[in-house]
Amino acid sequence: MPSYRRYVTVQDPQHLVLSDLPVKVGQQVEVIILLKKNTQVINPAEAYTDTEWDKLEPDLRSELETRYILNNPSLMRQMQDQGEWSCVSVDKLGIF
């Protein structure tokens, strides 16, 4: 089943608006609300052993890598400088 992630800030706890969803009129969806914790973004290379990392689902690995890169200004600058903004190899960045 495909899944889509949206981050929203609650303005009214009685009403939550999700917009621009890739669904058709009348299509049934399952909605799960996860309360976001204010957590520190970790460097996956430091948090997991190679064996633990290999056991993670590919989507989770990708999300952890993306969060780390997006929350690390020096890596973001490095990506921009390399001209590989849309697609970059984490090996090329030297963080894993």
PDB file of N, CA and C in Angstrom:
ATOM      1  N   MET A   1       0.848  -1.163   0.000  1.00  0.00           N
ATOM      2  CA  MET A   1       0.000   0.000   0.000  1.00  0.00           C
ATOM      3  C   MET A   1       0.903   1.239   0.000  1.00  0.00           C
ATOM      4  N   PRO A   2       0.722   2.128  -0.950  1.00  0.00           N
ATOM      5  CA  PRO A   2       1.545   3.343  -0.966  1.00  0.00           C
ATOM      6  C   PRO A   2       1.211   4.225   0.239  1.00  0.00           C
ATOM      7  N   SER A   3       2.195   4.964   0.694  1.00  0.00           N
ATOM      8  CA  SER A   3       1.959   5.880   1.808  1.00  0.00           C
ATOM      9  C   SER A   3       2.542   7.245   1.454  1.00  0.00           C
ATOM     10  N   TYR A   4       1.976   8.261   2.054  1.00  0.00           N
ATOM     11  CA  TYR A   4       2.398   9.632   1.810  1.00  0.00           C
ATOM     12  C   TYR A   4       2.548  10.319   3.154  1.00  0.00           C
ATOM     13  N   ARG A   5       3.565  11.131   3.291  1.00  0.00           N
ATOM     14  CA  ARG A   5       3.828  11.803   4.560  1.00  0.00           C
ATOM     15  C   ARG A   5       3.632  13.299   4.372  1.00  0.00           C
ATOM     16  N   ARG A   6       2.947  13.892   5.324  1.00  0.00           N
ATOM     17  CA  ARG A   6       2.759  15.336   5.363  1.00  0.00           C
ATOM     18  C   ARG A   6       3.076  15.804   6.774  1.00  0.00           C
ATOM     19  N   TYR A   7       3.741  16.925   6.881  1.00  0.00           N
ATOM     20  CA  TYR A   7       3.983  17.530   8.175  1.00  0.00           C
ATOM     21  C   TYR A   7       3.129  18.783   8.257  1.00  0.00           C
ATOM     22  N   VAL A   8       2.336  18.886   9.286  1.00  0.00           N
ATOM     23  CA  VAL A   8       1.483  20.055   9.473  1.00  0.00           C
ATOM     24  C   VAL A   8       1.605  20.527  10.913  1.00  0.00           C
ATOM     25  N   THR A   9       1.355  21.798  11.106  1.00  0.00           N
ATOM     26  CA  THR A   9       1.309  22.369  12.440  1.00  0.00           C
ATOM     27  C   THR A   9      -0.151  22.595  12.783  1.00  0.00           C
ATOM     28  N   VAL A  10      -0.572  22.071  13.917  1.00  0.00           N
ATOM     29  CA  VAL A  10      -1.975  22.165  14.320  1.00  0.00           C
ATOM     30  C   VAL A  10      -2.291  23.599  14.723  1.00  0.00           C
ATOM     31  N   GLN A  11      -3.291  24.158  14.088  1.00  0.00           N
ATOM     32  CA  GLN A  11      -3.774  25.492  14.433  1.00  0.00           C
ATOM     33  C   GLN A  11      -4.963  25.394  15.381  1.00  0.00           C
ATOM     34  N   ASP A  12      -5.773  24.349  15.188  1.00  0.00           N
ATOM     35  CA  ASP A  12      -6.971  24.125  15.987  1.00  0.00           C
ATOM     36  C   ASP A  12      -7.051  22.629  16.267  1.00  0.00           C
ATOM     37  N   PRO A  13      -6.941  22.205  17.530  1.00  0.00           N
ATOM     38  CA  PRO A  13      -6.935  20.772  17.822  1.00  0.00           C
ATOM     39  C   PRO A  13      -8.251  20.066  17.479  1.00  0.00           C
ATOM     40  N   GLN A  14      -9.283  20.824  17.151  1.00  0.00           N
ATOM     41  CA  GLN A  14     -10.558  20.228  16.760  1.00  0.00           C
ATOM     42  C   GLN A  14     -10.675  20.032  15.247  1.00  0.00           C
ATOM     43  N   HIS A  15      -9.663  20.537  14.514  1.00  0.00           N
ATOM     44  CA  HIS A  15      -9.769  20.552  13.054  1.00  0.00           C
ATOM     45  C   HIS A  15      -8.370  20.452  12.452  1.00  0.00           C
ATOM     46  N   LEU A  16      -8.132  19.449  11.637  1.00  0.00           N
ATOM     47  CA  LEU A  16      -6.838  19.272  10.984  1.00  0.00           C
ATOM     48  C   LEU A  16      -7.056  19.260   9.477  1.00  0.00           C
ATOM     49  N   VAL A  17      -6.330  20.085   8.763  1.00  0.00           N
ATOM     50  CA  VAL A  17      -6.494  20.196   7.316  1.00  0.00           C
ATOM     51  C   VAL A  17      -5.310  19.558   6.606  1.00  0.00           C
ATOM     52  N   LEU A  18      -5.594  18.632   5.713  1.00  0.00           N
ATOM     53  CA  LEU A  18      -4.588  18.041   4.833  1.00  0.00           C
ATOM     54  C   LEU A  18      -4.972  18.437   3.422  1.00  0.00           C
ATOM     55  N   SER A  19      -4.037  19.026   2.701  1.00  0.00           N
ATOM     56  CA  SER A  19      -4.372  19.492   1.351  1.00  0.00           C
ATOM     57  C   SER A  19      -3.399  18.920   0.332  1.00  0.00           C
ATOM     58  N   ASP A  20      -3.768  19.026  -0.930  1.00  0.00           N
ATOM     59  CA  ASP A  20      -2.947  18.571  -2.052  1.00  0.00           C
ATOM     60  C   ASP A  20      -2.555  17.098  -1.913  1.00  0.00           C
ATOM     61  N   LEU A  21      -3.537  16.282  -1.596  1.00  0.00           N
ATOM     62  CA  LEU A  21      -3.285  14.857  -1.438  1.00  0.00           C
ATOM     63  C   LEU A  21      -3.454  14.126  -2.764  1.00  0.00           C
ATOM     64  N   PRO A  22      -2.656  13.103  -3.001  1.00  0.00           N
ATOM     65  CA  PRO A  22      -2.736  12.356  -4.266  1.00  0.00           C
ATOM     66  C   PRO A  22      -3.806  11.262  -4.214  1.00  0.00           C
ATOM     67  N   VAL A  23      -5.057  11.667  -3.954  1.00  0.00           N
ATOM     68  CA  VAL A  23      -6.162  10.712  -3.875  1.00  0.00           C
ATOM     69  C   VAL A  23      -7.305  11.198  -4.754  1.00  0.00           C
ATOM     70  N   LYS A  24      -8.190  10.259  -5.060  1.00  0.00           N
ATOM     71  CA  LYS A  24      -9.354  10.584  -5.886  1.00  0.00           C
ATOM     72  C   LYS A  24     -10.579  10.780  -4.996  1.00  0.00           C
ATOM     73  N   VAL A  25     -11.545  11.510  -5.497  1.00  0.00           N
ATOM     74  CA  VAL A  25     -12.806  11.705  -4.783  1.00  0.00           C
ATOM     75  C   VAL A  25     -13.432  10.340  -4.530  1.00  0.00           C
ATOM     76  N   GLY A  26     -13.841  10.103  -3.305  1.00  0.00           N
ATOM     77  CA  GLY A  26     -14.473   8.844  -2.939  1.00  0.00           C
ATOM     78  C   GLY A  26     -13.514   7.740  -2.536  1.00  0.00           C
ATOM     79  N   GLN A  27     -12.234   7.947  -2.737  1.00  0.00           N
ATOM     80  CA  GLN A  27     -11.245   6.927  -2.382  1.00  0.00           C
ATOM     81  C   GLN A  27     -11.105   6.877  -0.862  1.00  0.00           C
ATOM     82  N   GLN A  28     -11.107   5.671  -0.300  1.00  0.00           N
ATOM     83  CA  GLN A  28     -10.940   5.524   1.133  1.00  0.00           C
ATOM     84  C   GLN A  28      -9.461   5.532   1.489  1.00  0.00           C
ATOM     85  N   VAL A  29      -9.133   6.177   2.603  1.00  0.00           N
ATOM     86  CA  VAL A  29      -7.760   6.236   3.085  1.00  0.00           C
ATOM     87  C   VAL A  29      -7.748   5.926   4.577  1.00  0.00           C
ATOM     88  N   GLU A  30      -6.615   5.498   5.064  1.00  0.00           N
ATOM     89  CA  GLU A  30      -6.417   5.300   6.490  1.00  0.00           C
ATOM     90  C   GLU A  30      -5.534   6.438   6.971  1.00  0.00           C
ATOM     91  N   VAL A  31      -5.946   7.108   8.033  1.00  0.00           N
ATOM     92  CA  VAL A  31      -5.198   8.242   8.563  1.00  0.00           C
ATOM     93  C   VAL A  31      -4.643   7.860   9.930  1.00  0.00           C
ATOM     94  N   ILE A  32      -3.346   8.003  10.079  1.00  0.00           N
ATOM     95  CA  ILE A  32      -2.675   7.765  11.350  1.00  0.00           C
ATOM     96  C   ILE A  32      -1.984   9.061  11.733  1.00  0.00           C
ATOM     97  N   ILE A  33      -2.229   9.543  12.928  1.00  0.00           N
ATOM     98  CA  ILE A  33      -1.612  10.789  13.375  1.00  0.00           C
ATOM     99  C   ILE A  33      -0.502  10.456  14.355  1.00  0.00           C
ATOM    100  N   LEU A  34       0.694  10.878  14.020  1.00  0.00           N
ATOM    101  CA  LEU A  34       1.852  10.683  14.883  1.00  0.00           C
ATOM    102  C   LEU A  34       2.271  12.041  15.425  1.00  0.00           C
ATOM    103  N   LEU A  35       2.331  12.155  16.727  1.00  0.00           N
ATOM    104  CA  LEU A  35       2.771  13.411  17.324  1.00  0.00           C
ATOM    105  C   LEU A  35       4.285  13.477  17.230  1.00  0.00           C
ATOM    106  N   LYS A  36       4.761  14.525  16.634  1.00  0.00           N
ATOM    107  CA  LYS A  36       6.196  14.682  16.426  1.00  0.00           C
ATOM    108  C   LYS A  36       6.864  15.162  17.699  1.00  0.00           C
ATOM    109  N   LYS A  37       7.907  14.455  18.078  1.00  0.00           N
ATOM    110  CA  LYS A  37       8.686  14.853  19.241  1.00  0.00           C
ATOM    111  C   LYS A  37       9.791  15.784  18.777  1.00  0.00           C
ATOM    112  N   ASN A  38      10.193  16.663  19.639  1.00  0.00           N
ATOM    113  CA  ASN A  38      11.348  17.508  19.338  1.00  0.00           C
ATOM    114  C   ASN A  38      12.597  16.688  19.637  1.00  0.00           C
ATOM    115  N   THR A  39      13.050  15.974  18.627  1.00  0.00           N
ATOM    116  CA  THR A  39      14.195  15.103  18.819  1.00  0.00           C
ATOM    117  C   THR A  39      15.383  15.636  18.040  1.00  0.00           C
ATOM    118  N   GLN A  40      16.531  15.320  18.537  1.00  0.00           N
ATOM    119  CA  GLN A  40      17.765  15.714  17.865  1.00  0.00           C
ATOM    120  C   GLN A  40      17.994  14.788  16.676  1.00  0.00           C
ATOM    121  N   VAL A  41      18.416  15.340  15.578  1.00  0.00           N
ATOM    122  CA  VAL A  41      18.713  14.543  14.397  1.00  0.00           C
ATOM    123  C   VAL A  41      20.053  13.863  14.610  1.00  0.00           C
ATOM    124  N   ILE A  42      20.078  12.557  14.390  1.00  0.00           N
ATOM    125  CA  ILE A  42      21.300  11.793  14.638  1.00  0.00           C
ATOM    126  C   ILE A  42      22.038  11.511  13.342  1.00  0.00           C
ATOM    127  N   ASN A  43      23.320  11.286  13.473  1.00  0.00           N
ATOM    128  CA  ASN A  43      24.122  10.829  12.343  1.00  0.00           C
ATOM    129  C   ASN A  43      23.961   9.314  12.293  1.00  0.00           C
ATOM    130  N   PRO A  44      23.295   8.783  11.271  1.00  0.00           N
ATOM    131  CA  PRO A  44      23.068   7.341  11.215  1.00  0.00           C
ATOM    132  C   PRO A  44      24.356   6.526  11.260  1.00  0.00           C
ATOM    133  N   ALA A  45      25.442   7.073  10.728  1.00  0.00           N
ATOM    134  CA  ALA A  45      26.708   6.343  10.722  1.00  0.00           C
ATOM    135  C   ALA A  45      27.246   6.150  12.128  1.00  0.00           C
ATOM    136  N   GLU A  46      26.877   7.049  13.042  1.00  0.00           N
ATOM    137  CA  GLU A  46      27.321   6.930  14.423  1.00  0.00           C
ATOM    138  C   GLU A  46      26.323   6.165  15.279  1.00  0.00           C
ATOM    139  N   ALA A  47      25.067   6.151  14.872  1.00  0.00           N
ATOM    140  CA  ALA A  47      24.020   5.551  15.691  1.00  0.00           C
ATOM    141  C   ALA A  47      23.841   4.049  15.450  1.00  0.00           C
ATOM    142  N   TYR A  48      24.252   3.565  14.290  1.00  0.00           N
ATOM    143  CA  TYR A  48      24.031   2.158  13.936  1.00  0.00           C
ATOM    144  C   TYR A  48      25.339   1.500  13.529  1.00  0.00           C
ATOM    145  N   THR A  49      25.473   0.225  13.891  1.00  0.00           N
ATOM    146  CA  THR A  49      26.580  -0.563  13.351  1.00  0.00           C
ATOM    147  C   THR A  49      26.209  -0.929  11.922  1.00  0.00           C
ATOM    148  N   ASP A  50      27.164  -1.380  11.137  1.00  0.00           N
ATOM    149  CA  ASP A  50      26.867  -1.782   9.757  1.00  0.00           C
ATOM    150  C   ASP A  50      25.810  -2.881   9.723  1.00  0.00           C
ATOM    151  N   THR A  51      25.892  -3.811  10.644  1.00  0.00           N
ATOM    152  CA  THR A  51      24.930  -4.917  10.687  1.00  0.00           C
ATOM    153  C   THR A  51      23.530  -4.405  11.012  1.00  0.00           C
ATOM    154  N   GLU A  52      23.427  -3.512  12.009  1.00  0.00           N
ATOM    155  CA  GLU A  52      22.125  -2.941  12.365  1.00  0.00           C
ATOM    156  C   GLU A  52      21.549  -2.144  11.194  1.00  0.00           C
ATOM    157  N   TRP A  53      22.407  -1.368  10.542  1.00  0.00           N
ATOM    158  CA  TRP A  53      21.976  -0.537   9.410  1.00  0.00           C
ATOM    159  C   TRP A  53      21.420  -1.404   8.284  1.00  0.00           C
ATOM    160  N   ASP A  54      22.100  -2.496   7.992  1.00  0.00           N
ATOM    161  CA  ASP A  54      21.665  -3.386   6.914  1.00  0.00           C
ATOM    162  C   ASP A  54      20.323  -4.036   7.206  1.00  0.00           C
ATOM    163  N   LYS A  55      19.963  -4.158   8.479  1.00  0.00           N
ATOM    164  CA  LYS A  55      18.686  -4.786   8.854  1.00  0.00           C
ATOM    165  C   LYS A  55      17.507  -3.824   8.768  1.00  0.00           C
ATOM    166  N   LEU A  56      17.775  -2.517   8.688  1.00  0.00           N
ATOM    167  CA  LEU A  56      16.697  -1.534   8.605  1.00  0.00           C
ATOM    168  C   LEU A  56      16.038  -1.577   7.229  1.00  0.00           C
ATOM    169  N   GLU A  57      14.760  -1.247   7.198  1.00  0.00           N
ATOM    170  CA  GLU A  57      14.041  -1.148   5.927  1.00  0.00           C
ATOM    171  C   GLU A  57      14.659  -0.035   5.083  1.00  0.00           C
ATOM    172  N   PRO A  58      14.735  -0.231   3.767  1.00  0.00           N
ATOM    173  CA  PRO A  58      15.323   0.801   2.894  1.00  0.00           C
ATOM    174  C   PRO A  58      14.673   2.175   3.046  1.00  0.00           C
ATOM    175  N   ASP A  59      13.346   2.219   3.216  1.00  0.00           N
ATOM    176  CA  ASP A  59      12.677   3.516   3.375  1.00  0.00           C
ATOM    177  C   ASP A  59      13.129   4.229   4.643  1.00  0.00           C
ATOM    178  N   LEU A  60      13.325   3.472   5.718  1.00  0.00           N
ATOM    179  CA  LEU A  60      13.781   4.069   6.964  1.00  0.00           C
ATOM    180  C   LEU A  60      15.216   4.558   6.832  1.00  0.00           C
ATOM    181  N   ARG A  61      16.065   3.774   6.180  1.00  0.00           N
ATOM    182  CA  ARG A  61      17.455   4.204   5.966  1.00  0.00           C
ATOM    183  C   ARG A  61      17.477   5.510   5.176  1.00  0.00           C
ATOM    184  N   SER A  62      16.678   5.563   4.132  1.00  0.00           N
ATOM    185  CA  SER A  62      16.623   6.764   3.297  1.00  0.00           C
ATOM    186  C   SER A  62      16.137   7.967   4.103  1.00  0.00           C
ATOM    187  N   GLU A  63      15.117   7.771   4.930  1.00  0.00           N
ATOM    188  CA  GLU A  63      14.589   8.876   5.733  1.00  0.00           C
ATOM    189  C   GLU A  63      15.626   9.364   6.742  1.00  0.00           C
ATOM    190  N   LEU A  64      16.334   8.449   7.387  1.00  0.00           N
ATOM    191  CA  LEU A  64      17.368   8.840   8.354  1.00  0.00           C
ATOM    192  C   LEU A  64      18.500   9.609   7.677  1.00  0.00           C
ATOM    193  N   GLU A  65      18.926   9.135   6.510  1.00  0.00           N
ATOM    194  CA  GLU A  65      19.981   9.832   5.765  1.00  0.00           C
ATOM    195  C   GLU A  65      19.516  11.222   5.355  1.00  0.00           C
ATOM    196  N   THR A  66      18.290  11.308   4.846  1.00  0.00           N
ATOM    197  CA  THR A  66      17.756  12.584   4.383  1.00  0.00           C
ATOM    198  C   THR A  66      17.634  13.576   5.529  1.00  0.00           C
ATOM    199  N   ARG A  67      17.079  13.133   6.657  1.00  0.00           N
ATOM    200  CA  ARG A  67      16.965  14.022   7.821  1.00  0.00           C
ATOM    201  C   ARG A  67      18.327  14.541   8.252  1.00  0.00           C
ATOM    202  N   TYR A  68      19.298  13.659   8.267  1.00  0.00           N
ATOM    203  CA  TYR A  68      20.636  14.077   8.702  1.00  0.00           C
ATOM    204  C   TYR A  68      21.216  15.119   7.751  1.00  0.00           C
ATOM    205  N   ILE A  69      21.100  14.873   6.470  1.00  0.00           N
ATOM    206  CA  ILE A  69      21.649  15.805   5.480  1.00  0.00           C
ATOM    207  C   ILE A  69      20.913  17.140   5.523  1.00  0.00           C
ATOM    208  N   LEU A  70      19.581  17.109   5.581  1.00  0.00           N
ATOM    209  CA  LEU A  70      18.800  18.349   5.574  1.00  0.00           C
ATOM    210  C   LEU A  70      19.000  19.177   6.834  1.00  0.00           C
ATOM    211  N   ASN A  71      19.396  18.553   7.914  1.00  0.00           N
ATOM    212  CA  ASN A  71      19.616  19.276   9.167  1.00  0.00           C
ATOM    213  C   ASN A  71      21.092  19.536   9.441  1.00  0.00           C
ATOM    214  N   ASN A  72      21.906  19.388   8.426  1.00  0.00           N
ATOM    215  CA  ASN A  72      23.334  19.621   8.566  1.00  0.00           C
ATOM    216  C   ASN A  72      23.750  20.659   7.515  1.00  0.00           C
ATOM    217  N   PRO A  73      23.811  21.929   7.901  1.00  0.00           N
ATOM    218  CA  PRO A  73      24.084  23.004   6.933  1.00  0.00           C
ATOM    219  C   PRO A  73      25.361  22.806   6.119  1.00  0.00           C
ATOM    220  N   SER A  74      26.412  22.257   6.725  1.00  0.00           N
ATOM    221  CA  SER A  74      27.653  22.094   5.965  1.00  0.00           C
ATOM    222  C   SER A  74      27.483  21.055   4.861  1.00  0.00           C
ATOM    223  N   LEU A  75      26.721  19.999   5.124  1.00  0.00           N
ATOM    224  CA  LEU A  75      26.456  19.009   4.067  1.00  0.00           C
ATOM    225  C   LEU A  75      25.565  19.593   2.976  1.00  0.00           C
ATOM    226  N   MET A  76      24.609  20.418   3.366  1.00  0.00           N
ATOM    227  CA  MET A  76      23.741  21.058   2.378  1.00  0.00           C
ATOM    228  C   MET A  76      24.571  21.956   1.455  1.00  0.00           C
ATOM    229  N   ARG A  77      25.497  22.729   2.041  1.00  0.00           N
ATOM    230  CA  ARG A  77      26.368  23.588   1.217  1.00  0.00           C
ATOM    231  C   ARG A  77      27.236  22.738   0.295  1.00  0.00           C
ATOM    232  N   GLN A  78      27.749  21.643   0.833  1.00  0.00           N
ATOM    233  CA  GLN A  78      28.594  20.763   0.026  1.00  0.00           C
ATOM    234  C   GLN A  78      27.810  20.201  -1.160  1.00  0.00           C
ATOM    235  N   MET A  79      26.564  19.838  -0.930  1.00  0.00           N
ATOM    236  CA  MET A  79      25.734  19.327  -2.023  1.00  0.00           C
ATOM    237  C   MET A  79      25.510  20.411  -3.070  1.00  0.00           C
ATOM    238  N   GLN A  80      25.228  21.628  -2.616  1.00  0.00           N
ATOM    239  CA  GLN A  80      25.016  22.730  -3.543  1.00  0.00           C
ATOM    240  C   GLN A  80      26.287  23.023  -4.332  1.00  0.00           C
ATOM    241  N   ASP A  81      27.422  23.018  -3.655  1.00  0.00           N
ATOM    242  CA  ASP A  81      28.705  23.300  -4.305  1.00  0.00           C
ATOM    243  C   ASP A  81      29.041  22.247  -5.362  1.00  0.00           C
ATOM    244  N   GLN A  82      28.663  21.006  -5.097  1.00  0.00           N
ATOM    245  CA  GLN A  82      28.951  19.922  -6.042  1.00  0.00           C
ATOM    246  C   GLN A  82      27.957  19.904  -7.199  1.00  0.00           C
ATOM    247  N   GLY A  83      26.926  20.747  -7.094  1.00  0.00           N
ATOM    248  CA  GLY A  83      25.932  20.797  -8.166  1.00  0.00           C
ATOM    249  C   GLY A  83      25.099  19.538  -8.254  1.00  0.00           C
ATOM    250  N   GLU A  84      24.982  18.843  -7.131  1.00  0.00           N
ATOM    251  CA  GLU A  84      24.213  17.604  -7.121  1.00  0.00           C
ATOM    252  C   GLU A  84      23.055  17.744  -6.159  1.00  0.00           C
ATOM    253  N   TRP A  85      22.312  18.803  -6.308  1.00  0.00           N
ATOM    254  CA  TRP A  85      21.238  19.121  -5.386  1.00  0.00           C
ATOM    255  C   TRP A  85      20.129  18.077  -5.409  1.00  0.00           C
ATOM    256  N   SER A  86      19.761  17.580  -6.576  1.00  0.00           N
ATOM    257  CA  SER A  86      18.615  16.680  -6.634  1.00  0.00           C
ATOM    258  C   SER A  86      18.976  15.236  -6.361  1.00  0.00           C
ATOM    259  N   CYS A  87      20.203  14.839  -6.594  1.00  0.00           N
ATOM    260  CA  CYS A  87      20.587  13.451  -6.387  1.00  0.00           C
ATOM    261  C   CYS A  87      22.055  13.393  -6.011  1.00  0.00           C
ATOM    262  N   VAL A  88      22.326  12.866  -4.850  1.00  0.00           N
ATOM    263  CA  VAL A  88      23.712  12.805  -4.414  1.00  0.00           C
ATOM    264  C   VAL A  88      23.953  11.479  -3.709  1.00  0.00           C
ATOM    265  N   SER A  89      25.107  10.955  -3.887  1.00  0.00           N
ATOM    266  CA  SER A  89      25.511   9.714  -3.227  1.00  0.00           C
ATOM    267  C   SER A  89      26.071  10.051  -1.861  1.00  0.00           C
ATOM    268  N   VAL A  90      25.548   9.389  -0.812  1.00  0.00           N
ATOM    269  CA  VAL A  90      26.061   9.674   0.526  1.00  0.00           C
ATOM    270  C   VAL A  90      27.518   9.243   0.638  1.00  0.00           C
ATOM    271  N   ASP A  91      27.925   8.269  -0.160  1.00  0.00           N
ATOM    272  CA  ASP A  91      29.344   7.871  -0.166  1.00  0.00           C
ATOM    273  C   ASP A  91      30.204   9.042  -0.644  1.00  0.00           C
ATOM    274  N   LYS A  92      29.692   9.784  -1.619  1.00  0.00           N
ATOM    275  CA  LYS A  92      30.437  10.907  -2.174  1.00  0.00           C
ATOM    276  C   LYS A  92      30.597  12.033  -1.147  1.00  0.00           C
ATOM    277  N   LEU A  93      29.621  12.150  -0.247  1.00  0.00           N
ATOM    278  CA  LEU A  93      29.694  13.168   0.792  1.00  0.00           C
ATOM    279  C   LEU A  93      30.638  12.751   1.914  1.00  0.00           C
ATOM    280  N   GLY A  94      30.943  11.472   1.993  1.00  0.00           N
ATOM    281  CA  GLY A  94      31.884  11.003   3.006  1.00  0.00           C
ATOM    282  C   GLY A  94      31.329  10.907   4.413  1.00  0.00           C
ATOM    283  N   ILE A  95      30.014  10.725   4.548  1.00  0.00           N
ATOM    284  CA  ILE A  95      29.452  10.655   5.895  1.00  0.00           C
ATOM    285  C   ILE A  95      29.121   9.232   6.314  1.00  0.00           C
ATOM    286  N   PHE A  96      29.134   8.290   5.385  1.00  0.00           N
ATOM    287  CA  PHE A  96      28.807   6.897   5.738  1.00  0.00           C
ATOM    288  C   PHE A  96      29.904   5.975   5.271  1.00  0.00           C
TER     289      PHE A  96
END
